Amino acid sequence: MKPPKTNILLAMHTELARSVVNFRKRVCEECKWSTPTFYRKMRIKDVVDHLGNIKVPALSNAEREKINSLFDLEIQELSDWNDRKVKRRPPQGLNNQG
């Protein structure tokens, strides 16, 4: 007997929600922030002078680089999940013979 098919919309939504929480936890751990600090840092904007030059950045270069690498990691994990869980169909109208 075949197992029941999973509702792919529910599975994708659940995985995206998990990813958001996981990203926040990773950033907090790596940057040594509390959860309130994460959300406060998210709202802060760079302070610029009258010429538009950044005087006080919202995030340090190290924080920005770490957050970028954690985001890339999270996106890669989402892509890997998608490759494992979602059946890919070849694009329609293309000859798939090699």
PDB file of N, CA and C in Angstrom:
ATOM      1  N   MET A   1       0.842  -1.177   0.000  1.00  0.00           N
ATOM      2  CA  MET A   1       0.000   0.000   0.000  1.00  0.00           C
ATOM      3  C   MET A   1       0.891   1.246   0.000  1.00  0.00           C
ATOM      4  N   LYS A   2       0.580   2.194  -0.868  1.00  0.00           N
ATOM      5  CA  LYS A   2       1.360   3.423  -0.961  1.00  0.00           C
ATOM      6  C   LYS A   2       1.026   4.347   0.205  1.00  0.00           C
ATOM      7  N   PRO A   3       2.061   5.035   0.742  1.00  0.00           N
ATOM      8  CA  PRO A   3       1.765   6.011   1.795  1.00  0.00           C
ATOM      9  C   PRO A   3       1.004   7.194   1.209  1.00  0.00           C
ATOM     10  N   PRO A   4       0.180   7.850   2.024  1.00  0.00           N
ATOM     11  CA  PRO A   4      -0.569   8.998   1.494  1.00  0.00           C
ATOM     12  C   PRO A   4       0.387  10.113   1.078  1.00  0.00           C
ATOM     13  N   LYS A   5       0.008  10.814   0.009  1.00  0.00           N
ATOM     14  CA  LYS A   5       0.831  11.919  -0.474  1.00  0.00           C
ATOM     15  C   LYS A   5       0.720  13.096   0.482  1.00  0.00           C
ATOM     16  N   THR A   6       1.842  13.777   0.649  1.00  0.00           N
ATOM     17  CA  THR A   6       1.891  14.956   1.506  1.00  0.00           C
ATOM     18  C   THR A   6       1.346  16.153   0.745  1.00  0.00           C
ATOM     19  N   ASN A   7       0.648  17.005   1.445  1.00  0.00           N
ATOM     20  CA  ASN A   7       0.195  18.261   0.856  1.00  0.00           C
ATOM     21  C   ASN A   7       1.433  19.122   0.665  1.00  0.00           C
ATOM     22  N   ILE A   8       1.852  19.302  -0.584  1.00  0.00           N
ATOM     23  CA  ILE A   8       3.105  19.990  -0.874  1.00  0.00           C
ATOM     24  C   ILE A   8       3.060  21.455  -0.444  1.00  0.00           C
ATOM     25  N   LEU A   9       1.907  22.086  -0.528  1.00  0.00           N
ATOM     26  CA  LEU A   9       1.795  23.478  -0.088  1.00  0.00           C
ATOM     27  C   LEU A   9       2.080  23.579   1.409  1.00  0.00           C
ATOM     28  N   LEU A  10       1.486  22.677   2.189  1.00  0.00           N
ATOM     29  CA  LEU A  10       1.730  22.658   3.629  1.00  0.00           C
ATOM     30  C   LEU A  10       3.198  22.361   3.926  1.00  0.00           C
ATOM     31  N   ALA A  11       3.764  21.399   3.226  1.00  0.00           N
ATOM     32  CA  ALA A  11       5.167  21.035   3.455  1.00  0.00           C
ATOM     33  C   ALA A  11       6.098  22.203   3.148  1.00  0.00           C
ATOM     34  N   MET A  12       5.849  22.898   2.039  1.00  0.00           N
ATOM     35  CA  MET A  12       6.694  24.041   1.672  1.00  0.00           C
ATOM     36  C   MET A  12       6.548  25.184   2.673  1.00  0.00           C
ATOM     37  N   HIS A  13       5.316  25.473   3.060  1.00  0.00           N
ATOM     38  CA  HIS A  13       5.077  26.553   4.019  1.00  0.00           C
ATOM     39  C   HIS A  13       5.748  26.239   5.357  1.00  0.00           C
ATOM     40  N   THR A  14       5.629  25.003   5.799  1.00  0.00           N
ATOM     41  CA  THR A  14       6.245  24.585   7.054  1.00  0.00           C
ATOM     42  C   THR A  14       7.762  24.714   6.985  1.00  0.00           C
ATOM     43  N   GLU A  15       8.341  24.311   5.869  1.00  0.00           N
ATOM     44  CA  GLU A  15       9.796  24.397   5.715  1.00  0.00           C
ATOM     45  C   GLU A  15      10.270  25.847   5.663  1.00  0.00           C
ATOM     46  N   LEU A  16       9.520  26.708   4.997  1.00  0.00           N
ATOM     47  CA  LEU A  16       9.880  28.133   4.965  1.00  0.00           C
ATOM     48  C   LEU A  16       9.805  28.749   6.359  1.00  0.00           C
ATOM     49  N   ALA A  17       8.766  28.420   7.107  1.00  0.00           N
ATOM     50  CA  ALA A  17       8.631  28.945   8.471  1.00  0.00           C
ATOM     51  C   ALA A  17       9.773  28.445   9.350  1.00  0.00           C
ATOM     52  N   ARG A  18      10.128  27.181   9.207  1.00  0.00           N
ATOM     53  CA  ARG A  18      11.252  26.623   9.954  1.00  0.00           C
ATOM     54  C   ARG A  18      12.542  27.351   9.600  1.00  0.00           C
ATOM     55  N   SER A  19      12.702  27.655   8.336  1.00  0.00           N
ATOM     56  CA  SER A  19      13.908  28.321   7.861  1.00  0.00           C
ATOM     57  C   SER A  19      14.071  29.711   8.470  1.00  0.00           C
ATOM     58  N   VAL A  20      12.985  30.452   8.577  1.00  0.00           N
ATOM     59  CA  VAL A  20      13.029  31.799   9.165  1.00  0.00           C
ATOM     60  C   VAL A  20      13.485  31.720  10.620  1.00  0.00           C
ATOM     61  N   VAL A  21      12.920  30.795  11.360  1.00  0.00           N
ATOM     62  CA  VAL A  21      13.285  30.638  12.770  1.00  0.00           C
ATOM     63  C   VAL A  21      14.737  30.182  12.889  1.00  0.00           C
ATOM     64  N   ASN A  22      15.130  29.242  12.045  1.00  0.00           N
ATOM     65  CA  ASN A  22      16.494  28.732  12.067  1.00  0.00           C
ATOM     66  C   ASN A  22      17.501  29.837  11.741  1.00  0.00           C
ATOM     67  N   PHE A  23      17.185  30.678  10.756  1.00  0.00           N
ATOM     68  CA  PHE A  23      18.062  31.794  10.390  1.00  0.00           C
ATOM     69  C   PHE A  23      18.240  32.734  11.580  1.00  0.00           C
ATOM     70  N   ARG A  24      17.147  33.091  12.223  1.00  0.00           N
ATOM     71  CA  ARG A  24      17.231  33.985  13.380  1.00  0.00           C
ATOM     72  C   ARG A  24      18.086  33.370  14.488  1.00  0.00           C
ATOM     73  N   LYS A  25      17.883  32.089  14.764  1.00  0.00           N
ATOM     74  CA  LYS A  25      18.657  31.421  15.811  1.00  0.00           C
ATOM     75  C   LYS A  25      20.142  31.394  15.474  1.00  0.00           C
ATOM     76  N   ARG A  26      20.463  31.115  14.223  1.00  0.00           N
ATOM     77  CA  ARG A  26      21.868  31.081  13.808  1.00  0.00           C
ATOM     78  C   ARG A  26      22.522  32.448  13.929  1.00  0.00           C
ATOM     79  N   VAL A  27      21.818  33.484  13.481  1.00  0.00           N
ATOM     80  CA  VAL A  27      22.365  34.842  13.572  1.00  0.00           C
ATOM     81  C   VAL A  27      22.588  35.209  15.037  1.00  0.00           C
ATOM     82  N   CYS A  28      21.612  34.929  15.875  1.00  0.00           N
ATOM     83  CA  CYS A  28      21.751  35.250  17.305  1.00  0.00           C
ATOM     84  C   CYS A  28      22.933  34.505  17.923  1.00  0.00           C
ATOM     85  N   GLU A  29      23.085  33.253  17.573  1.00  0.00           N
ATOM     86  CA  GLU A  29      24.185  32.463  18.126  1.00  0.00           C
ATOM     87  C   GLU A  29      25.537  32.981  17.633  1.00  0.00           C
ATOM     88  N   GLU A  30      25.666  33.175  16.333  1.00  0.00           N
ATOM     89  CA  GLU A  30      26.945  33.593  15.751  1.00  0.00           C
ATOM     90  C   GLU A  30      27.335  35.014  16.146  1.00  0.00           C
ATOM     91  N   CYS A  31      26.358  35.902  16.245  1.00  0.00           N
ATOM     92  CA  CYS A  31      26.635  37.306  16.584  1.00  0.00           C
ATOM     93  C   CYS A  31      26.546  37.563  18.085  1.00  0.00           C
ATOM     94  N   LYS A  32      26.193  36.505  18.841  1.00  0.00           N
ATOM     95  CA  LYS A  32      26.046  36.629  20.300  1.00  0.00           C
ATOM     96  C   LYS A  32      25.005  37.684  20.676  1.00  0.00           C
ATOM     97  N   TRP A  33      23.863  37.605  19.990  1.00  0.00           N
ATOM     98  CA  TRP A  33      22.752  38.525  20.238  1.00  0.00           C
ATOM     99  C   TRP A  33      21.619  37.772  20.920  1.00  0.00           C
ATOM    100  N   SER A  34      20.812  38.496  21.670  1.00  0.00           N
ATOM    101  CA  SER A  34      19.551  37.953  22.167  1.00  0.00           C
ATOM    102  C   SER A  34      18.512  38.115  21.050  1.00  0.00           C
ATOM    103  N   THR A  35      17.377  37.469  21.217  1.00  0.00           N
ATOM    104  CA  THR A  35      16.304  37.626  20.231  1.00  0.00           C
ATOM    105  C   THR A  35      15.826  39.075  20.148  1.00  0.00           C
ATOM    106  N   PRO A  36      15.626  39.784  21.276  1.00  0.00           N
ATOM    107  CA  PRO A  36      15.244  41.199  21.160  1.00  0.00           C
ATOM    108  C   PRO A  36      16.292  42.037  20.421  1.00  0.00           C
ATOM    109  N   THR A  37      17.579  41.728  20.624  1.00  0.00           N
ATOM    110  CA  THR A  37      18.628  42.465  19.910  1.00  0.00           C
ATOM    111  C   THR A  37      18.533  42.210  18.413  1.00  0.00           C
ATOM    112  N   PHE A  38      18.245  40.971  18.025  1.00  0.00           N
ATOM    113  CA  PHE A  38      18.077  40.642  16.603  1.00  0.00           C
ATOM    114  C   PHE A  38      17.013  41.542  15.972  1.00  0.00           C
ATOM    115  N   TYR A  39      15.854  41.635  16.613  1.00  0.00           N
ATOM    116  CA  TYR A  39      14.767  42.439  16.048  1.00  0.00           C
ATOM    117  C   TYR A  39      15.064  43.935  16.109  1.00  0.00           C
ATOM    118  N   ARG A  40      15.776  44.366  17.131  1.00  0.00           N
ATOM    119  CA  ARG A  40      16.169  45.778  17.205  1.00  0.00           C
ATOM    120  C   ARG A  40      17.162  46.102  16.090  1.00  0.00           C
ATOM    121  N   LYS A  41      18.145  45.235  15.885  1.00  0.00           N
ATOM    122  CA  LYS A  41      19.135  45.444  14.821  1.00  0.00           C
ATOM    123  C   LYS A  41      18.463  45.435  13.448  1.00  0.00           C
ATOM    124  N   MET A  42      17.400  44.663  13.318  1.00  0.00           N
ATOM    125  CA  MET A  42      16.689  44.577  12.047  1.00  0.00           C
ATOM    126  C   MET A  42      16.006  45.903  11.706  1.00  0.00           C
ATOM    127  N   ARG A  43      15.605  46.663  12.718  1.00  0.00           N
ATOM    128  CA  ARG A  43      14.900  47.928  12.483  1.00  0.00           C
ATOM    129  C   ARG A  43      15.838  49.119  12.303  1.00  0.00           C
ATOM    130  N   ILE A  44      17.081  48.992  12.780  1.00  0.00           N
ATOM    131  CA  ILE A  44      18.020  50.116  12.732  1.00  0.00           C
ATOM    132  C   ILE A  44      18.405  50.420  11.285  1.00  0.00           C
ATOM    133  N   LYS A  45      18.534  51.707  10.997  1.00  0.00           N
ATOM    134  CA  LYS A  45      18.983  52.142   9.671  1.00  0.00           C
ATOM    135  C   LYS A  45      20.344  52.804   9.806  1.00  0.00           C
ATOM    136  N   ASP A  46      21.126  52.773   8.717  1.00  0.00           N
ATOM    137  CA  ASP A  46      22.401  53.489   8.699  1.00  0.00           C
ATOM    138  C   ASP A  46      22.144  54.974   8.917  1.00  0.00           C
ATOM    139  N   VAL A  47      23.037  55.631   9.657  1.00  0.00           N
ATOM    140  CA  VAL A  47      22.977  57.084   9.832  1.00  0.00           C
ATOM    141  C   VAL A  47      23.840  57.692   8.737  1.00  0.00           C
ATOM    142  N   VAL A  48      23.238  58.573   7.933  1.00  0.00           N
ATOM    143  CA  VAL A  48      23.968  59.182   6.811  1.00  0.00           C
ATOM    144  C   VAL A  48      24.070  60.688   7.007  1.00  0.00           C
ATOM    145  N   ASP A  49      25.095  61.265   6.384  1.00  0.00           N
ATOM    146  CA  ASP A  49      25.239  62.723   6.449  1.00  0.00           C
ATOM    147  C   ASP A  49      24.444  63.367   5.318  1.00  0.00           C
ATOM    148  N   HIS A  50      24.547  64.679   5.193  1.00  0.00           N
ATOM    149  CA  HIS A  50      23.755  65.411   4.195  1.00  0.00           C
ATOM    150  C   HIS A  50      24.143  65.057   2.758  1.00  0.00           C
ATOM    151  N   LEU A  51      25.305  64.430   2.563  1.00  0.00           N
ATOM    152  CA  LEU A  51      25.735  64.013   1.222  1.00  0.00           C
ATOM    153  C   LEU A  51      25.350  62.565   0.912  1.00  0.00           C
ATOM    154  N   GLY A  52      24.772  61.905   1.887  1.00  0.00           N
ATOM    155  CA  GLY A  52      24.365  60.518   1.688  1.00  0.00           C
ATOM    156  C   GLY A  52      25.433  59.502   2.068  1.00  0.00           C
ATOM    157  N   ASN A  53      26.539  59.962   2.628  1.00  0.00           N
ATOM    158  CA  ASN A  53      27.599  59.057   3.068  1.00  0.00           C
ATOM    159  C   ASN A  53      27.232  58.462   4.427  1.00  0.00           C
ATOM    160  N   ILE A  54      27.519  57.182   4.586  1.00  0.00           N
ATOM    161  CA  ILE A  54      27.204  56.509   5.846  1.00  0.00           C
ATOM    162  C   ILE A  54      28.168  56.986   6.927  1.00  0.00           C
ATOM    163  N   LYS A  55      27.599  57.533   7.997  1.00  0.00           N
ATOM    164  CA  LYS A  55      28.403  57.971   9.144  1.00  0.00           C
ATOM    165  C   LYS A  55      28.445  56.888  10.213  1.00  0.00           C
ATOM    166  N   VAL A  56      27.292  56.298  10.481  1.00  0.00           N
ATOM    167  CA  VAL A  56      27.197  55.225  11.478  1.00  0.00           C
ATOM    168  C   VAL A  56      26.416  54.072  10.848  1.00  0.00           C
ATOM    169  N   PRO A  57      27.105  52.963  10.532  1.00  0.00           N
ATOM    170  CA  PRO A  57      26.390  51.835   9.923  1.00  0.00           C
ATOM    171  C   PRO A  57      25.527  51.106  10.951  1.00  0.00           C
ATOM    172  N   ALA A  58      24.410  50.581  10.482  1.00  0.00           N
ATOM    173  CA  ALA A  58      23.514  49.819  11.358  1.00  0.00           C
ATOM    174  C   ALA A  58      24.180  48.521  11.813  1.00  0.00           C
ATOM    175  N   LEU A  59      24.974  47.936  10.936  1.00  0.00           N
ATOM    176  CA  LEU A  59      25.685  46.693  11.239  1.00  0.00           C
ATOM    177  C   LEU A  59      27.164  46.881  10.925  1.00  0.00           C
ATOM    178  N   SER A  60      28.011  46.228  11.686  1.00  0.00           N
ATOM    179  CA  SER A  60      29.441  46.270  11.386  1.00  0.00           C
ATOM    180  C   SER A  60      29.704  45.423  10.139  1.00  0.00           C
ATOM    181  N   ASN A  61      30.869  45.606   9.535  1.00  0.00           N
ATOM    182  CA  ASN A  61      31.231  44.795   8.372  1.00  0.00           C
ATOM    183  C   ASN A  61      31.267  43.317   8.733  1.00  0.00           C
ATOM    184  N   ALA A  62      31.784  42.995   9.912  1.00  0.00           N
ATOM    185  CA  ALA A  62      31.847  41.600  10.353  1.00  0.00           C
ATOM    186  C   ALA A  62      30.442  41.014  10.514  1.00  0.00           C
ATOM    187  N   GLU A  63      29.534  41.785  11.111  1.00  0.00           N
ATOM    188  CA  GLU A  63      28.149  41.318  11.260  1.00  0.00           C
ATOM    189  C   GLU A  63      27.509  41.113   9.894  1.00  0.00           C
ATOM    190  N   ARG A  64      27.706  42.062   9.003  1.00  0.00           N
ATOM    191  CA  ARG A  64      27.125  41.973   7.661  1.00  0.00           C
ATOM    192  C   ARG A  64      27.639  40.727   6.928  1.00  0.00           C
ATOM    193  N   GLU A  65      28.941  40.480   6.999  1.00  0.00           N
ATOM    194  CA  GLU A  65      29.521  39.313   6.324  1.00  0.00           C
ATOM    195  C   GLU A  65      29.005  38.011   6.931  1.00  0.00           C
ATOM    196  N   LYS A  66      28.934  37.945   8.253  1.00  0.00           N
ATOM    197  CA  LYS A  66      28.450  36.733   8.917  1.00  0.00           C
ATOM    198  C   LYS A  66      26.987  36.476   8.567  1.00  0.00           C
ATOM    199  N   ILE A  67      26.173  37.525   8.592  1.00  0.00           N
ATOM    200  CA  ILE A  67      24.753  37.386   8.266  1.00  0.00           C
ATOM    201  C   ILE A  67      24.581  36.939   6.820  1.00  0.00           C
ATOM    202  N   ASN A  68      25.385  37.495   5.909  1.00  0.00           N
ATOM    203  CA  ASN A  68      25.331  37.064   4.504  1.00  0.00           C
ATOM    204  C   ASN A  68      25.663  35.587   4.365  1.00  0.00           C
ATOM    205  N   SER A  69      26.699  35.122   5.061  1.00  0.00           N
ATOM    206  CA  SER A  69      27.073  33.712   4.950  1.00  0.00           C
ATOM    207  C   SER A  69      26.000  32.804   5.556  1.00  0.00           C
ATOM    208  N   LEU A  70      25.379  33.237   6.648  1.00  0.00           N
ATOM    209  CA  LEU A  70      24.299  32.448   7.250  1.00  0.00           C
ATOM    210  C   LEU A  70      23.069  32.406   6.352  1.00  0.00           C
ATOM    211  N   PHE A  71      22.790  33.517   5.681  1.00  0.00           N
ATOM    212  CA  PHE A  71      21.670  33.556   4.739  1.00  0.00           C
ATOM    213  C   PHE A  71      21.934  32.599   3.578  1.00  0.00           C
ATOM    214  N   ASP A  72      23.158  32.640   3.034  1.00  0.00           N
ATOM    215  CA  ASP A  72      23.515  31.726   1.944  1.00  0.00           C
ATOM    216  C   ASP A  72      23.352  30.272   2.374  1.00  0.00           C
ATOM    217  N   LEU A  73      23.769  29.964   3.597  1.00  0.00           N
ATOM    218  CA  LEU A  73      23.631  28.609   4.125  1.00  0.00           C
ATOM    219  C   LEU A  73      22.163  28.207   4.220  1.00  0.00           C
ATOM    220  N   GLU A  74      21.334  29.105   4.709  1.00  0.00           N
ATOM    221  CA  GLU A  74      19.903  28.802   4.848  1.00  0.00           C
ATOM    222  C   GLU A  74      19.248  28.594   3.480  1.00  0.00           C
ATOM    223  N   ILE A  75      19.602  29.435   2.514  1.00  0.00           N
ATOM    224  CA  ILE A  75      19.061  29.282   1.155  1.00  0.00           C
ATOM    225  C   ILE A  75      19.499  27.948   0.553  1.00  0.00           C
ATOM    226  N   GLN A  76      20.756  27.567   0.773  1.00  0.00           N
ATOM    227  CA  GLN A  76      21.248  26.285   0.258  1.00  0.00           C
ATOM    228  C   GLN A  76      20.486  25.123   0.888  1.00  0.00           C
ATOM    229  N   GLU A  77      20.223  25.209   2.184  1.00  0.00           N
ATOM    230  CA  GLU A  77      19.465  24.150   2.849  1.00  0.00           C
ATOM    231  C   GLU A  77      18.032  24.069   2.323  1.00  0.00           C
ATOM    232  N   LEU A  78      17.428  25.214   2.039  1.00  0.00           N
ATOM    233  CA  LEU A  78      16.086  25.207   1.433  1.00  0.00           C
ATOM    234  C   LEU A  78      16.124  24.562   0.054  1.00  0.00           C
ATOM    235  N   SER A  79      17.131  24.900  -0.723  1.00  0.00           N
ATOM    236  CA  SER A  79      17.270  24.325  -2.058  1.00  0.00           C
ATOM    237  C   SER A  79      17.482  22.814  -1.978  1.00  0.00           C
ATOM    238  N   ASP A  80      18.323  22.372  -1.045  1.00  0.00           N
ATOM    239  CA  ASP A  80      18.551  20.934  -0.862  1.00  0.00           C
ATOM    240  C   ASP A  80      17.263  20.226  -0.449  1.00  0.00           C
ATOM    241  N   TRP A  81      16.506  20.836   0.466  1.00  0.00           N
ATOM    242  CA  TRP A  81      15.230  20.256   0.890  1.00  0.00           C
ATOM    243  C   TRP A  81      14.299  20.119  -0.311  1.00  0.00           C
ATOM    244  N   ASN A  82      14.233  21.176  -1.103  1.00  0.00           N
ATOM    245  CA  ASN A  82      13.367  21.169  -2.279  1.00  0.00           C
ATOM    246  C   ASN A  82      13.776  20.063  -3.250  1.00  0.00           C
ATOM    247  N   ASP A  83      15.071  19.895  -3.454  1.00  0.00           N
ATOM    248  CA  ASP A  83      15.552  18.845  -4.351  1.00  0.00           C
ATOM    249  C   ASP A  83      15.200  17.454  -3.825  1.00  0.00           C
ATOM    250  N   ARG A  84      15.220  17.274  -2.514  1.00  0.00           N
ATOM    251  CA  ARG A  84      14.905  15.968  -1.923  1.00  0.00           C
ATOM    252  C   ARG A  84      13.412  15.684  -1.877  1.00  0.00           C
ATOM    253  N   LYS A  85      12.611  16.692  -1.557  1.00  0.00           N
ATOM    254  CA  LYS A  85      11.204  16.463  -1.235  1.00  0.00           C
ATOM    255  C   LYS A  85      10.225  16.700  -2.377  1.00  0.00           C
ATOM    256  N   VAL A  86      10.589  17.551  -3.302  1.00  0.00           N
ATOM    257  CA  VAL A  86       9.648  17.924  -4.356  1.00  0.00           C
ATOM    258  C   VAL A  86      10.046  17.214  -5.634  1.00  0.00           C
ATOM    259  N   LYS A  87       9.091  16.516  -6.209  1.00  0.00           N
ATOM    260  CA  LYS A  87       9.368  15.850  -7.479  1.00  0.00           C
ATOM    261  C   LYS A  87       9.471  16.903  -8.565  1.00  0.00           C
ATOM    262  N   ARG A  88      10.581  16.907  -9.232  1.00  0.00           N
ATOM    263  CA  ARG A  88      10.810  17.881 -10.303  1.00  0.00           C
ATOM    264  C   ARG A  88      10.312  17.304 -11.622  1.00  0.00           C
ATOM    265  N   ARG A  89       9.561  18.101 -12.327  1.00  0.00           N
ATOM    266  CA  ARG A  89       9.127  17.719 -13.666  1.00  0.00           C
ATOM    267  C   ARG A  89       9.971  18.487 -14.667  1.00  0.00           C
ATOM    268  N   PRO A  90      10.381  17.841 -15.753  1.00  0.00           N
ATOM    269  CA  PRO A  90      11.133  18.590 -16.764  1.00  0.00           C
ATOM    270  C   PRO A  90      10.244  19.664 -17.377  1.00  0.00           C
ATOM    271  N   PRO A  91      10.822  20.785 -17.810  1.00  0.00           N
ATOM    272  CA  PRO A  91      10.015  21.839 -18.431  1.00  0.00           C
ATOM    273  C   PRO A  91       9.232  21.295 -19.618  1.00  0.00           C
ATOM    274  N   GLN A  92       7.984  21.726 -19.745  1.00  0.00           N
ATOM    275  CA  GLN A  92       7.144  21.256 -20.843  1.00  0.00           C
ATOM    276  C   GLN A  92       7.583  21.887 -22.151  1.00  0.00           C
ATOM    277  N   GLY A  93       7.433  21.130 -23.221  1.00  0.00           N
ATOM    278  CA  GLY A  93       7.724  21.653 -24.546  1.00  0.00           C
ATOM    279  C   GLY A  93       9.176  21.493 -24.960  1.00  0.00           C
ATOM    280  N   LEU A  94       9.999  20.943 -24.097  1.00  0.00           N
ATOM    281  CA  LEU A  94      11.398  20.738 -24.440  1.00  0.00           C
ATOM    282  C   LEU A  94      11.626  19.269 -24.729  1.00  0.00           C
ATOM    283  N   ASN A  95      12.464  19.010 -25.665  1.00  0.00           N
ATOM    284  CA  ASN A  95      12.828  17.645 -25.984  1.00  0.00           C
ATOM    285  C   ASN A  95      13.895  17.218 -24.990  1.00  0.00           C
ATOM    286  N   ASN A  96      13.585  16.274 -24.135  1.00  0.00           N
ATOM    287  CA  ASN A  96      14.505  15.875 -23.076  1.00  0.00           C
ATOM    288  C   ASN A  96      15.413  14.730 -23.484  1.00  0.00           C
ATOM    289  N   GLN A  97      15.453  14.413 -24.747  1.00  0.00           N
ATOM    290  CA  GLN A  97      16.341  13.356 -25.209  1.00  0.00           C
ATOM    291  C   GLN A  97      17.743  13.919 -25.366  1.00  0.00           C
ATOM    292  N   GLY A  98      18.745  13.179 -24.945  1.00  0.00           N
ATOM    293  CA  GLY A  98      20.100  13.683 -24.983  1.00  0.00           C
ATOM    294  C   GLY A  98      20.852  13.074 -26.045  1.00  0.00           C
TER     295      GLY A  98
END
